[in-house]
Each structure stands twice: as structure tokens, then as C-alpha cells.
Amino acid sequence: MLEPKILGSKSPFLFSFLILPLTFAAFFFLPQLLGKTVGYLASFCIYWLYCLLHGVQLKGNNMAKLYTWPPLNRQNVLLLFLCFVPAVGAFFAAFLITYSQLNSTLYFILVAAALVNGFVEELYWRGAFISRYKQHLWLAFIFPTLLFGLWHISVYAAYGITYQGGFLPLVGGAFFMGCLWGYTAYKQQRVLAPTMAHILTNFFAFSGLIVDNWVR
């Protein structure tokens, strides 16, 4: 059973839901107002800032423990393996096809975007919710996982941006990855492995995004 203070606190849920219309509006309108590149980057900056600010407000105690390595038992080894499945898929589906079209500048942008996005998203969608709600299945895992998938509809709505495969791989893939990384973080009460896997997956996947929209 949830503690009364958790049941009675609606603001964390309200602010979590607000990220959906806020980012949808940003990704749809800012590329039209500022241009595709600046508007797309500005939209992500708004999203990252929102995640950091609300994550700080949402988080519980002992966030540092979230970034420690879990005990290497059979369950955790299996979860670690599953965490990196999306990275393998992104390597073959995107990076292996596009890596030769990237120059040193684009690789720098790719690394920076993967690091920032992977860290911020795991800090918020996994770390903040787990540190606050601990072992509560719905609030520490299911609720943030659903919102993580839904927020990618905002990314899909970005004006002038195309995505390899369209809507289903982007949003459906986000739900799939959110389930893998969210369940791992929930069971381990840590986000180190999901963060590493998320950064690597972003690195490979963003290569296709960059080439499709800014190189070709």
C-alpha cells in the first residue's frame, strides 16, 4: 500500500503529464519558427531542462546509490544482457549503414547528444521515479515507462524531421526500450546499466537521424 503522503501528492504526476503537451508544442512549432536545426535542438534543450528540474523535485534520498554496480548474480547478468539488446539492434539498423557518411564534426555532435540524452532520460524516467517510489510497481516502473513511450510522439511530431521507418519504430521502439531499461532499473534499484545502454543505443540510432536529415 502507498503511504498517504504519496497518495495525496498530485503534483509529481501532473508535472510528469505536462511534459507531453509541452514537448509536442515545442517540437512542432519551434522548427518552423527557428529553422529545422535550431528549432529541433531548442526543443530537446527544453525537454532536457524540464527533466532535470522536475527530476530534482521528484527524486527521493540516496540518488548516488542508483549509479553503483548491482551484485553480479544470475538475474542481474541476464538483465544487463537484455539492456544492451537495443544497442545491438541500432548498430545494425542505423550505424552500420551510415557511419561512413559522418565526419569528425558530426561524430562530436553524435557523442554529445547521446551522452546528454541518455544520462538525462535515465536520471528522470528511471532514477527519479525509483528513488522516490522504490519498489512500487506502478509508480516506479509502469507509469514512467508508459510516459516515456508516449513522449516520443512529440519527437515524431517534430516539423521537418524524418525518422527511419516512421512512427512505429520510433514510438514502439521507445516503449520496448523503456520496458527493458525500466524493468532492469526497477529490479536492481539502480540505473547505471540502463544509462550505459541508453547512451550506446542513442549513439548508434542518432547516426541514422543525423544522416537522414542533415547529410542526405
Protein backbone atom coordinates (compact mmCIF):
# COMPACT_ATOMS: atom_id res chain seq x y z
CA MET A 1 0.00 0.00 0.00
CA LEU A 2 1.21 3.50 -0.80
CA GLU A 3 1.93 5.88 2.01
CA PRO A 4 -0.72 8.62 2.45
CA LYS A 5 1.76 11.36 1.53
CA ILE A 6 2.36 9.67 -1.82
CA LEU A 7 -1.33 9.13 -2.49
CA GLY A 8 -2.08 12.72 -1.61
CA SER A 9 0.65 14.28 -3.71
CA LYS A 10 -0.69 15.00 -7.17
CA SER A 11 1.92 17.48 -8.34
CA PRO A 12 4.55 14.88 -9.39
CA PHE A 13 2.01 13.21 -11.67
CA LEU A 14 0.69 16.50 -13.01
CA PHE A 15 4.17 17.72 -13.93
CA SER A 16 5.02 14.35 -15.47
CA PHE A 17 1.94 14.53 -17.71
CA LEU A 18 2.63 18.15 -18.64
CA ILE A 19 5.84 17.11 -20.37
CA LEU A 20 3.72 15.59 -23.16
CA PRO A 21 1.86 18.70 -24.45
CA LEU A 22 4.84 20.95 -23.69
CA THR A 23 7.27 18.94 -25.78
CA PHE A 24 4.72 18.29 -28.52
CA ALA A 25 4.22 22.03 -28.97
CA ALA A 26 7.97 22.68 -28.84
CA PHE A 27 8.91 20.05 -31.42
CA PHE A 28 6.08 21.01 -33.75
CA PHE A 29 6.36 24.81 -33.65
CA LEU A 30 9.99 25.67 -32.86
CA PRO A 31 11.48 24.13 -36.03
CA GLN A 32 9.02 26.24 -38.01
CA LEU A 33 9.88 29.41 -36.10
CA LEU A 34 13.65 28.97 -35.70
CA GLY A 35 14.52 26.66 -38.58
CA LYS A 36 14.84 22.89 -38.56
CA THR A 37 18.23 22.58 -36.86
CA VAL A 38 17.95 25.31 -34.23
CA GLY A 39 14.31 24.53 -33.51
CA TYR A 40 14.95 20.81 -33.10
CA LEU A 41 17.89 21.41 -30.77
CA ALA A 42 15.96 24.04 -28.80
CA SER A 43 13.09 21.58 -28.34
CA PHE A 44 15.44 18.96 -26.92
CA CYS A 45 17.02 21.55 -24.61
CA ILE A 46 13.56 22.42 -23.25
CA TYR A 47 12.88 18.72 -22.72
CA TRP A 48 16.22 18.08 -21.00
CA LEU A 49 15.82 21.10 -18.73
CA TYR A 50 12.30 20.05 -17.79
CA CYS A 51 13.51 16.53 -16.97
CA LEU A 52 16.35 17.84 -14.80
CA LEU A 53 14.23 20.36 -12.91
CA HIS A 54 11.32 18.02 -12.29
CA GLY A 55 13.70 15.13 -11.60
CA VAL A 56 15.35 17.11 -8.80
CA GLN A 57 11.92 17.94 -7.36
CA LEU A 58 10.71 14.36 -7.71
CA LYS A 59 13.75 12.41 -6.51
CA GLY A 60 13.94 10.71 -3.15
CA ASN A 61 17.00 10.08 -0.99
CA ASN A 62 20.31 8.45 -1.85
CA MET A 63 20.43 9.09 -5.59
CA ALA A 64 24.12 8.18 -5.56
CA LYS A 65 23.24 4.53 -4.93
CA LEU A 66 21.44 4.46 -8.27
CA TYR A 67 24.81 4.78 -10.01
CA THR A 68 26.52 1.85 -8.30
CA TRP A 69 27.04 -1.53 -9.96
CA PRO A 70 24.50 -4.22 -8.98
CA PRO A 71 25.54 -7.57 -7.48
CA LEU A 72 26.55 -10.00 -10.24
CA ASN A 73 24.02 -12.73 -9.65
CA ARG A 74 22.24 -14.68 -12.39
CA GLN A 75 19.24 -12.35 -12.58
CA ASN A 76 21.34 -9.20 -12.84
CA VAL A 77 23.62 -10.67 -15.50
CA LEU A 78 20.56 -11.55 -17.59
CA LEU A 79 19.13 -8.06 -17.12
CA LEU A 80 22.44 -6.49 -18.09
CA PHE A 81 22.46 -8.55 -21.27
CA LEU A 82 18.87 -7.55 -22.13
CA CYS A 83 19.69 -3.87 -21.52
CA PHE A 84 22.09 -3.83 -24.43
CA VAL A 85 19.83 -5.63 -26.93
CA PRO A 86 18.51 -2.28 -28.30
CA ALA A 87 22.09 -1.08 -28.82
CA VAL A 88 22.87 -4.14 -30.94
CA GLY A 89 19.73 -3.54 -32.98
CA ALA A 90 20.55 0.16 -33.50
CA PHE A 91 24.10 -0.73 -34.53
CA PHE A 92 22.94 -2.95 -37.39
CA ALA A 93 19.83 -0.95 -38.35
CA ALA A 94 21.40 2.52 -38.37
CA PHE A 95 25.08 2.92 -37.54
CA LEU A 96 26.47 0.22 -39.81
CA ILE A 97 24.66 1.83 -42.73
CA THR A 98 25.51 5.48 -42.03
CA TYR A 99 28.86 5.64 -40.20
CA SER A 100 30.87 6.27 -43.37
CA GLN A 101 28.84 9.41 -44.11
CA LEU A 102 29.73 11.10 -40.81
CA ASN A 103 32.67 13.48 -40.48
CA SER A 104 34.55 14.41 -37.30
CA THR A 105 32.18 17.30 -36.51
CA LEU A 106 29.12 15.10 -36.84
CA TYR A 107 30.74 12.42 -34.68
CA PHE A 108 31.33 15.04 -31.97
CA ILE A 109 27.68 16.11 -32.15
CA LEU A 110 26.63 12.46 -32.10
CA VAL A 111 28.66 11.70 -28.97
CA ALA A 112 27.48 14.84 -27.16
CA ALA A 113 23.80 14.23 -27.98
CA ALA A 114 23.98 10.56 -26.97
CA LEU A 115 25.68 11.34 -23.66
CA VAL A 116 23.33 14.16 -22.67
CA ASN A 117 20.11 12.50 -23.78
CA GLY A 118 20.96 9.06 -22.37
CA PHE A 119 22.02 10.45 -19.00
CA VAL A 120 19.14 12.91 -18.58
CA GLU A 121 16.44 10.47 -19.64
CA GLU A 122 17.63 7.70 -17.32
CA LEU A 123 18.06 10.16 -14.47
CA TYR A 124 14.45 11.27 -14.90
CA TRP A 125 12.38 8.40 -16.25
CA ARG A 126 14.11 5.71 -14.24
CA GLY A 127 16.24 7.26 -11.49
CA ALA A 128 13.92 9.93 -10.08
CA PHE A 129 10.86 7.68 -10.01
CA ILE A 130 12.72 4.73 -8.48
CA SER A 131 14.42 6.87 -5.84
CA ARG A 132 11.03 8.26 -4.82
CA TYR A 133 8.73 5.23 -5.16
CA LYS A 134 11.24 2.38 -4.60
CA GLN A 135 9.54 -1.00 -5.09
CA HIS A 136 6.08 0.23 -6.05
CA LEU A 137 5.45 -1.49 -9.37
CA TRP A 138 3.05 1.05 -10.86
CA LEU A 139 4.76 4.27 -9.83
CA ALA A 140 8.39 3.21 -10.07
CA PHE A 141 8.10 1.20 -13.30
CA ILE A 142 4.80 1.11 -15.22
CA PHE A 143 3.77 4.79 -15.01
CA PRO A 144 7.13 6.30 -16.08
CA THR A 145 7.56 3.61 -18.76
CA LEU A 146 4.21 4.50 -20.35
CA LEU A 147 5.01 8.21 -20.30
CA PHE A 148 8.50 7.57 -21.70
CA GLY A 149 6.94 5.86 -24.69
CA LEU A 150 4.23 8.49 -25.13
CA TRP A 151 6.65 11.41 -25.06
CA HIS A 152 8.29 10.05 -28.22
CA ILE A 153 5.12 11.03 -30.07
CA SER A 154 6.33 14.59 -29.50
CA VAL A 155 9.65 13.71 -31.12
CA TYR A 156 7.82 12.18 -34.07
CA ALA A 157 5.80 15.40 -34.43
CA ALA A 158 8.99 17.44 -34.98
CA TYR A 159 8.36 19.62 -38.01
CA GLY A 160 10.57 18.81 -41.00
CA ILE A 161 12.29 15.81 -39.36
CA THR A 162 12.06 12.31 -40.79
CA TYR A 163 12.71 9.07 -38.93
CA GLN A 164 13.89 5.78 -40.35
CA GLY A 165 10.86 3.51 -40.59
CA GLY A 166 8.42 6.17 -39.43
CA PHE A 167 6.15 6.18 -36.39
CA LEU A 168 6.17 2.54 -35.30
CA PRO A 169 9.93 2.00 -34.94
CA LEU A 170 10.33 5.31 -33.09
CA VAL A 171 7.41 5.16 -30.66
CA GLY A 172 7.06 1.38 -30.49
CA GLY A 173 10.79 1.06 -30.05
CA ALA A 174 10.69 3.60 -27.23
CA PHE A 175 8.05 1.54 -25.41
CA PHE A 176 10.14 -1.59 -25.88
CA MET A 177 13.36 0.05 -24.67
CA GLY A 178 11.52 1.74 -21.81
CA CYS A 179 10.25 -1.65 -20.67
CA LEU A 180 13.73 -3.22 -20.78
CA TRP A 181 15.54 -0.35 -19.08
CA GLY A 182 12.70 0.41 -16.68
CA TYR A 183 12.34 -3.18 -15.52
CA THR A 184 16.11 -3.52 -15.08
CA ALA A 185 16.27 -0.32 -13.05
CA TYR A 186 13.22 -1.36 -11.01
CA LYS A 187 14.57 -4.82 -10.17
CA GLN A 188 18.11 -3.61 -9.46
CA GLN A 189 17.07 -0.28 -7.88
CA ARG A 190 19.91 1.18 -9.93
CA VAL A 191 20.23 2.99 -13.26
CA LEU A 192 23.92 2.57 -14.11
CA ALA A 193 23.45 -0.27 -16.62
CA PRO A 194 20.34 1.27 -18.28
CA THR A 195 22.18 4.59 -18.58
CA MET A 196 25.16 2.99 -20.30
CA ALA A 197 22.89 1.00 -22.61
CA HIS A 198 20.78 4.08 -23.37
CA ILE A 199 23.81 6.20 -24.28
CA LEU A 200 25.20 3.49 -26.58
CA THR A 201 21.81 2.95 -28.23
CA ASN A 202 21.42 6.70 -28.79
CA PHE A 203 24.90 6.89 -30.32
CA PHE A 204 24.07 4.25 -32.90
CA ALA A 205 20.47 5.36 -33.55
CA PHE A 206 21.21 9.09 -33.77
CA SER A 207 23.69 8.41 -36.58
CA GLY A 208 20.78 7.48 -38.82
CA LEU A 209 18.79 10.51 -37.70
CA ILE A 210 21.67 12.88 -38.49
CA VAL A 211 22.42 11.38 -41.89
CA ASP A 212 18.78 11.22 -42.96
CA ASN A 213 18.05 14.83 -42.01
CA TRP A 214 21.32 16.76 -42.31
CA VAL A 215 23.59 14.86 -44.70
CA ARG A 216 21.49 13.37 -47.48
